[in-house]
PDB file of N, CA and C in Angstrom:
ATOM      1  N   MET A   1      62.586  13.059  27.028  1.00  0.00           N
ATOM      2  CA  MET A   1      62.899  13.283  25.640  1.00  0.00           C
ATOM      3  C   MET A   1      64.260  13.951  25.481  1.00  0.00           C
ATOM      4  N   LYS A   2      64.586  14.878  26.378  1.00  0.00           N
ATOM      5  CA  LYS A   2      65.869  15.557  26.304  1.00  0.00           C
ATOM      6  C   LYS A   2      67.016  14.561  26.500  1.00  0.00           C
ATOM      7  N   PHE A   3      66.799  13.591  27.369  1.00  0.00           N
ATOM      8  CA  PHE A   3      67.823  12.586  27.633  1.00  0.00           C
ATOM      9  C   PHE A   3      68.121  11.760  26.379  1.00  0.00           C
ATOM     10  N   VAL A   4      67.076  11.375  25.673  1.00  0.00           N
ATOM     11  CA  VAL A   4      67.226  10.581  24.441  1.00  0.00           C
ATOM     12  C   VAL A   4      67.939  11.411  23.383  1.00  0.00           C
ATOM     13  N   LEU A   5      67.598  12.670  23.279  1.00  0.00           N
ATOM     14  CA  LEU A   5      68.222  13.568  22.308  1.00  0.00           C
ATOM     15  C   LEU A   5      69.719  13.707  22.601  1.00  0.00           C
ATOM     16  N   LYS A   6      70.073  13.828  23.877  1.00  0.00           N
ATOM     17  CA  LYS A   6      71.489  13.929  24.252  1.00  0.00           C
ATOM     18  C   LYS A   6      72.247  12.655  23.878  1.00  0.00           C
ATOM     19  N   ILE A   7      71.633  11.525  24.122  1.00  0.00           N
ATOM     20  CA  ILE A   7      72.274  10.249  23.787  1.00  0.00           C
ATOM     21  C   ILE A   7      72.484  10.137  22.280  1.00  0.00           C
ATOM     22  N   VAL A   8      71.489  10.528  21.509  1.00  0.00           N
ATOM     23  CA  VAL A   8      71.598  10.477  20.044  1.00  0.00           C
ATOM     24  C   VAL A   8      72.714  11.406  19.569  1.00  0.00           C
ATOM     25  N   LEU A   9      72.783  12.586  20.115  1.00  0.00           N
ATOM     26  CA  LEU A   9      73.835  13.525  19.732  1.00  0.00           C
ATOM     27  C   LEU A   9      75.225  12.992  20.085  1.00  0.00           C
ATOM     28  N   VAL A  10      75.349  12.388  21.242  1.00  0.00           N
ATOM     29  CA  VAL A  10      76.636  11.816  21.652  1.00  0.00           C
ATOM     30  C   VAL A  10      77.041  10.688  20.703  1.00  0.00           C
ATOM     31  N   VAL A  11      76.097   9.836  20.351  1.00  0.00           N
ATOM     32  CA  VAL A  11      76.387   8.725  19.433  1.00  0.00           C
ATOM     33  C   VAL A  11      76.805   9.267  18.065  1.00  0.00           C
ATOM     34  N   LEU A  12      76.111  10.275  17.572  1.00  0.00           N
ATOM     35  CA  LEU A  12      76.471  10.879  16.284  1.00  0.00           C
ATOM     36  C   LEU A  12      77.862  11.511  16.337  1.00  0.00           C
ATOM     37  N   MET A  13      78.172  12.161  17.431  1.00  0.00           N
ATOM     38  CA  MET A  13      79.481  12.800  17.580  1.00  0.00           C
ATOM     39  C   MET A  13      80.587  11.754  17.599  1.00  0.00           C
ATOM     40  N   ILE A  14      80.388  10.678  18.323  1.00  0.00           N
ATOM     41  CA  ILE A  14      81.383   9.594  18.378  1.00  0.00           C
ATOM     42  C   ILE A  14      81.559   8.982  16.994  1.00  0.00           C
ATOM     43  N   GLY A  15      80.466   8.765  16.291  1.00  0.00           N
ATOM     44  CA  GLY A  15      80.535   8.219  14.938  1.00  0.00           C
ATOM     45  C   GLY A  15      81.290   9.137  14.000  1.00  0.00           C
ATOM     46  N   PHE A  16      81.057  10.418  14.092  1.00  0.00           N
ATOM     47  CA  PHE A  16      81.749  11.389  13.239  1.00  0.00           C
ATOM     48  C   PHE A  16      83.245  11.396  13.522  1.00  0.00           C
ATOM     49  N   VAL A  17      83.615  11.401  14.775  1.00  0.00           N
ATOM     50  CA  VAL A  17      85.030  11.434  15.152  1.00  0.00           C
ATOM     51  C   VAL A  17      85.726  10.145  14.725  1.00  0.00           C
ATOM     52  N   SER A  18      85.092   9.016  14.897  1.00  0.00           N
ATOM     53  CA  SER A  18      85.729   7.752  14.534  1.00  0.00           C
ATOM     54  C   SER A  18      85.896   7.638  13.024  1.00  0.00           C
ATOM     55  N   CYS A  19      84.977   8.134  12.245  1.00  0.00           N
ATOM     56  CA  CYS A  19      85.112   8.108  10.787  1.00  0.00           C
ATOM     57  C   CYS A  19      86.251   9.008  10.338  1.00  0.00           C
ATOM     58  N   ARG A  20      86.395  10.134  10.970  1.00  0.00           N
ATOM     59  CA  ARG A  20      87.453  11.069  10.607  1.00  0.00           C
ATOM     60  C   ARG A  20      88.813  10.450  10.902  1.00  0.00           C
ATOM     61  N   ASP A  21      88.953   9.767  12.016  1.00  0.00           N
ATOM     62  CA  ASP A  21      90.208   9.106  12.354  1.00  0.00           C
ATOM     63  C   ASP A  21      90.536   8.002  11.354  1.00  0.00           C
ATOM     64  N   THR A  22      89.526   7.285  10.908  1.00  0.00           N
ATOM     65  CA  THR A  22      89.738   6.208   9.951  1.00  0.00           C
ATOM     66  C   THR A  22      90.264   6.763   8.634  1.00  0.00           C
ATOM     67  N   LYS A  23      89.716   7.867   8.184  1.00  0.00           N
ATOM     68  CA  LYS A  23      90.181   8.482   6.940  1.00  0.00           C
ATOM     69  C   LYS A  23      91.635   8.921   7.071  1.00  0.00           C
ATOM     70  N   LYS A  24      91.981   9.488   8.198  1.00  0.00           N
ATOM     71  CA  LYS A  24      93.343   9.952   8.426  1.00  0.00           C
ATOM     72  C   LYS A  24      94.312   8.768   8.428  1.00  0.00           C
ATOM     73  N   GLU A  25      93.926   7.684   9.089  1.00  0.00           N
ATOM     74  CA  GLU A  25      94.769   6.492   9.133  1.00  0.00           C
ATOM     75  C   GLU A  25      94.909   5.879   7.750  1.00  0.00           C
ATOM     76  N   GLU A  26      93.834   5.898   6.971  1.00  0.00           N
ATOM     77  CA  GLU A  26      93.871   5.349   5.619  1.00  0.00           C
ATOM     78  C   GLU A  26      94.819   6.164   4.735  1.00  0.00           C
ATOM     79  N   GLU A  27      94.793   7.467   4.863  1.00  0.00           N
ATOM     80  CA  GLU A  27      95.698   8.322   4.102  1.00  0.00           C
ATOM     81  C   GLU A  27      97.154   8.050   4.485  1.00  0.00           C
ATOM     82  N   GLU A  28      97.409   7.885   5.776  1.00  0.00           N
ATOM     83  CA  GLU A  28      98.764   7.589   6.230  1.00  0.00           C
ATOM     84  C   GLU A  28      99.227   6.229   5.712  1.00  0.00           C
ATOM     85  N   ALA A  29      98.343   5.251   5.706  1.00  0.00           N
ATOM     86  CA  ALA A  29      98.684   3.923   5.202  1.00  0.00           C
ATOM     87  C   ALA A  29      98.987   3.977   3.706  1.00  0.00           C
ATOM     88  N   ASN A  30      98.184   4.715   2.952  1.00  0.00           N
ATOM     89  CA  ASN A  30      98.434   4.848   1.520  1.00  0.00           C
ATOM     90  C   ASN A  30      99.763   5.535   1.244  1.00  0.00           C
ATOM     91  N   ALA A  31     100.095   6.537   2.031  1.00  0.00           N
ATOM     92  CA  ALA A  31     101.378   7.223   1.861  1.00  0.00           C
ATOM     93  C   ALA A  31     102.533   6.263   2.152  1.00  0.00           C
ATOM     94  N   ALA A  32     102.389   5.447   3.179  1.00  0.00           N
ATOM     95  CA  ALA A  32     103.433   4.484   3.510  1.00  0.00           C
ATOM     96  C   ALA A  32     103.585   3.444   2.403  1.00  0.00           C
ATOM     97  N   ILE A  33     102.475   2.997   1.837  1.00  0.00           N
ATOM     98  CA  ILE A  33     102.519   2.021   0.748  1.00  0.00           C
ATOM     99  C   ILE A  33     103.213   2.606  -0.475  1.00  0.00           C
ATOM    100  N   GLU A  34     102.901   3.846  -0.795  1.00  0.00           N
ATOM    101  CA  GLU A  34     103.548   4.503  -1.936  1.00  0.00           C
ATOM    102  C   GLU A  34     105.054   4.626  -1.709  1.00  0.00           C
ATOM    103  N   GLN A  35     105.450   4.940  -0.491  1.00  0.00           N
ATOM    104  CA  GLN A  35     106.866   5.072  -0.173  1.00  0.00           C
ATOM    105  C   GLN A  35     107.559   3.718  -0.294  1.00  0.00           C
ATOM    106  N   ILE A  36     106.916   2.663   0.156  1.00  0.00           N
ATOM    107  CA  ILE A  36     107.491   1.319   0.058  1.00  0.00           C
ATOM    108  C   ILE A  36     107.630   0.907  -1.399  1.00  0.00           C
ATOM    109  N   GLU A  37     106.615   1.186  -2.214  1.00  0.00           N
ATOM    110  CA  GLU A  37     106.682   0.841  -3.628  1.00  0.00           C
ATOM    111  C   GLU A  37     107.802   1.607  -4.333  1.00  0.00           C
ATOM    112  N   ALA A  38     107.976   2.872  -3.980  1.00  0.00           N
ATOM    113  CA  ALA A  38     109.054   3.658  -4.574  1.00  0.00           C
ATOM    114  C   ALA A  38     110.414   3.086  -4.180  1.00  0.00           C
ATOM    115  N   THR A  39     110.542   2.671  -2.934  1.00  0.00           N
ATOM    116  CA  THR A  39     111.789   2.076  -2.465  1.00  0.00           C
ATOM    117  C   THR A  39     112.059   0.756  -3.178  1.00  0.00           C
ATOM    118  N   GLU A  40     111.020  -0.055  -3.365  1.00  0.00           N
ATOM    119  CA  GLU A  40     111.187  -1.321  -4.079  1.00  0.00           C
ATOM    120  C   GLU A  40     111.642  -1.086  -5.521  1.00  0.00           C
ATOM    121  N   ALA A  41     111.067  -0.091  -6.179  1.00  0.00           N
ATOM    122  CA  ALA A  41     111.458   0.221  -7.552  1.00  0.00           C
ATOM    123  C   ALA A  41     112.922   0.661  -7.602  1.00  0.00           C
ATOM    124  N   GLU A  42     113.331   1.449  -6.622  1.00  0.00           N
ATOM    125  CA  GLU A  42     114.723   1.909  -6.564  1.00  0.00           C
ATOM    126  C   GLU A  42     115.667   0.735  -6.331  1.00  0.00           C
ATOM    127  N   VAL A  43     115.284  -0.189  -5.472  1.00  0.00           N
ATOM    128  CA  VAL A  43     116.105  -1.370  -5.192  1.00  0.00           C
ATOM    129  C   VAL A  43     116.242  -2.218  -6.451  1.00  0.00           C
ATOM    130  N   GLU A  44     115.158  -2.377  -7.194  1.00  0.00           N
ATOM    131  CA  GLU A  44     115.207  -3.155  -8.427  1.00  0.00           C
ATOM    132  C   GLU A  44     116.131  -2.499  -9.453  1.00  0.00           C
ATOM    133  N   ALA A  45     116.086  -1.174  -9.550  1.00  0.00           N
ATOM    134  CA  ALA A  45     116.953  -0.456 -10.484  1.00  0.00           C
ATOM    135  C   ALA A  45     118.418  -0.613 -10.078  1.00  0.00           C
ATOM    136  N   ILE A  46     118.698  -0.518  -8.800  1.00  0.00           N
ATOM    137  CA  ILE A  46     120.076  -0.681  -8.320  1.00  0.00           C
ATOM    138  C   ILE A  46     120.546  -2.103  -8.565  1.00  0.00           C
ATOM    139  N   SER A  47     119.667  -3.065  -8.364  1.00  0.00           N
ATOM    140  CA  SER A  47     120.012  -4.463  -8.598  1.00  0.00           C
ATOM    141  C   SER A  47     120.354  -4.691 -10.066  1.00  0.00           C
ATOM    142  N   ALA A  48     119.578  -4.116 -10.960  1.00  0.00           N
ATOM    143  CA  ALA A  48     119.856  -4.253 -12.395  1.00  0.00           C
ATOM    144  C   ALA A  48     121.198  -3.613 -12.740  1.00  0.00           C
ATOM    145  N   ASP A  49     121.488  -2.451 -12.158  1.00  0.00           N
ATOM    146  CA  ASP A  49     122.777  -1.794 -12.396  1.00  0.00           C
ATOM    147  C   ASP A  49     123.931  -2.654 -11.895  1.00  0.00           C
ATOM    148  N   LEU A  50     123.760  -3.270 -10.745  1.00  0.00           N
ATOM    149  CA  LEU A  50     124.812  -4.126 -10.193  1.00  0.00           C
ATOM    150  C   LEU A  50     125.059  -5.343 -11.080  1.00  0.00           C
ATOM    151  N   LYS A  51     124.008  -5.920 -11.613  1.00  0.00           N
ATOM    152  CA  LYS A  51     124.165  -7.067 -12.504  1.00  0.00           C
ATOM    153  C   LYS A  51     124.908  -6.660 -13.778  1.00  0.00           C
ATOM    154  N   GLU A  52     124.587  -5.492 -14.288  1.00  0.00           N
ATOM    155  CA  GLU A  52     125.276  -4.994 -15.482  1.00  0.00           C
ATOM    156  C   GLU A  52     126.757  -4.752 -15.184  1.00  0.00           C
ATOM    157  N   ASN A  53     127.034  -4.149 -14.043  1.00  0.00           N
ATOM    158  CA  ASN A  53     128.428  -3.917 -13.654  1.00  0.00           C
ATOM    159  C   ASN A  53     129.162  -5.232 -13.448  1.00  0.00           C
ATOM    160  N   GLU A  54     128.486  -6.225 -12.908  1.00  0.00           N
ATOM    161  CA  GLU A  54     129.096  -7.538 -12.702  1.00  0.00           C
ATOM    162  C   GLU A  54     129.503  -8.151 -14.042  1.00  0.00           C
ATOM    163  N   LYS A  55     128.617  -8.051 -15.024  1.00  0.00           N
ATOM    164  CA  LYS A  55     128.933  -8.586 -16.351  1.00  0.00           C
ATOM    165  C   LYS A  55     130.145  -7.881 -16.950  1.00  0.00           C
ATOM    166  N   GLU A  56     130.165  -6.555 -16.840  1.00  0.00           N
ATOM    167  CA  GLU A  56     131.291  -5.788 -17.379  1.00  0.00           C
ATOM    168  C   GLU A  56     132.594  -6.159 -16.678  1.00  0.00           C
ATOM    169  N   LEU A  57     132.545  -6.308 -15.363  1.00  0.00           N
ATOM    170  CA  LEU A  57     133.757  -6.660 -14.620  1.00  0.00           C
ATOM    171  C   LEU A  57     134.233  -8.066 -14.964  1.00  0.00           C
ATOM    172  N   ASN A  58     133.300  -8.993 -15.142  1.00  0.00           N
ATOM    173  CA  ASN A  58     133.687 -10.350 -15.528  1.00  0.00           C
ATOM    174  C   ASN A  58     134.337 -10.369 -16.903  1.00  0.00           C
ATOM    175  N   GLU A  59     133.818  -9.574 -17.826  1.00  0.00           N
ATOM    176  CA  GLU A  59     134.424  -9.494 -19.154  1.00  0.00           C
ATOM    177  C   GLU A  59     135.820  -8.891 -19.077  1.00  0.00           C
ATOM    178  N   ALA A  60     135.986  -7.855 -18.280  1.00  0.00           N
ATOM    179  CA  ALA A  60     137.293  -7.229 -18.114  1.00  0.00           C
ATOM    180  C   ALA A  60     138.276  -8.211 -17.469  1.00  0.00           C
ATOM    181  N   LEU A  61     137.806  -8.993 -16.513  1.00  0.00           N
ATOM    182  CA  LEU A  61     138.650  -9.996 -15.870  1.00  0.00           C
ATOM    183  C   LEU A  61     139.088 -11.055 -16.863  1.00  0.00           C
ATOM    184  N   LYS A  62     138.186 -11.499 -17.728  1.00  0.00           N
ATOM    185  CA  LYS A  62     138.535 -12.492 -18.748  1.00  0.00           C
ATOM    186  C   LYS A  62     139.587 -11.927 -19.689  1.00  0.00           C
ATOM    187  N   ASP A  63     139.427 -10.647 -20.048  1.00  0.00           N
ATOM    188  CA  ASP A  63     140.411 -10.006 -20.936  1.00  0.00           C
ATOM    189  C   ASP A  63     141.789  -9.958 -20.257  1.00  0.00           C
ATOM    190  N   LEU A  64     141.808  -9.650 -18.967  1.00  0.00           N
ATOM    191  CA  LEU A  64     143.066  -9.591 -18.228  1.00  0.00           C
ATOM    192  C   LEU A  64     143.691 -10.967 -18.091  1.00  0.00           C
ATOM    193  N   ASP A  65     142.854 -11.983 -17.888  1.00  0.00           N
ATOM    194  CA  ASP A  65     143.373 -13.342 -17.756  1.00  0.00           C
ATOM    195  C   ASP A  65     143.978 -13.837 -19.059  1.00  0.00           C
ATOM    196  N   SER A  66     143.450 -13.380 -20.171  1.00  0.00           N
ATOM    197  CA  SER A  66     143.961 -13.838 -21.460  1.00  0.00           C
ATOM    198  C   SER A  66     145.282 -13.160 -21.842  1.00  0.00           C
ATOM    199  N   ILE A  67     145.638 -12.110 -21.140  1.00  0.00           N
ATOM    200  CA  ILE A  67     146.899 -11.416 -21.477  1.00  0.00           C
ATOM    201  C   ILE A  67     148.082 -12.141 -20.941  1.00  0.00           C
TER     202      ILE A  67
END
């Protein structure tokens, strides 16, 4: 009976440790996803700014060409 009890305790301990590792990995994955999404949003904002600057520069170039 003691042998069976030891085996059950070992199995429970392994299960507890593996669940804890999974939670930690899930938290790290979520943090990485949030960081990627923030970077994507920043890239989109920079892209929009560049397009606006391109339009302004093209207009200025047209004005210079007409002089």
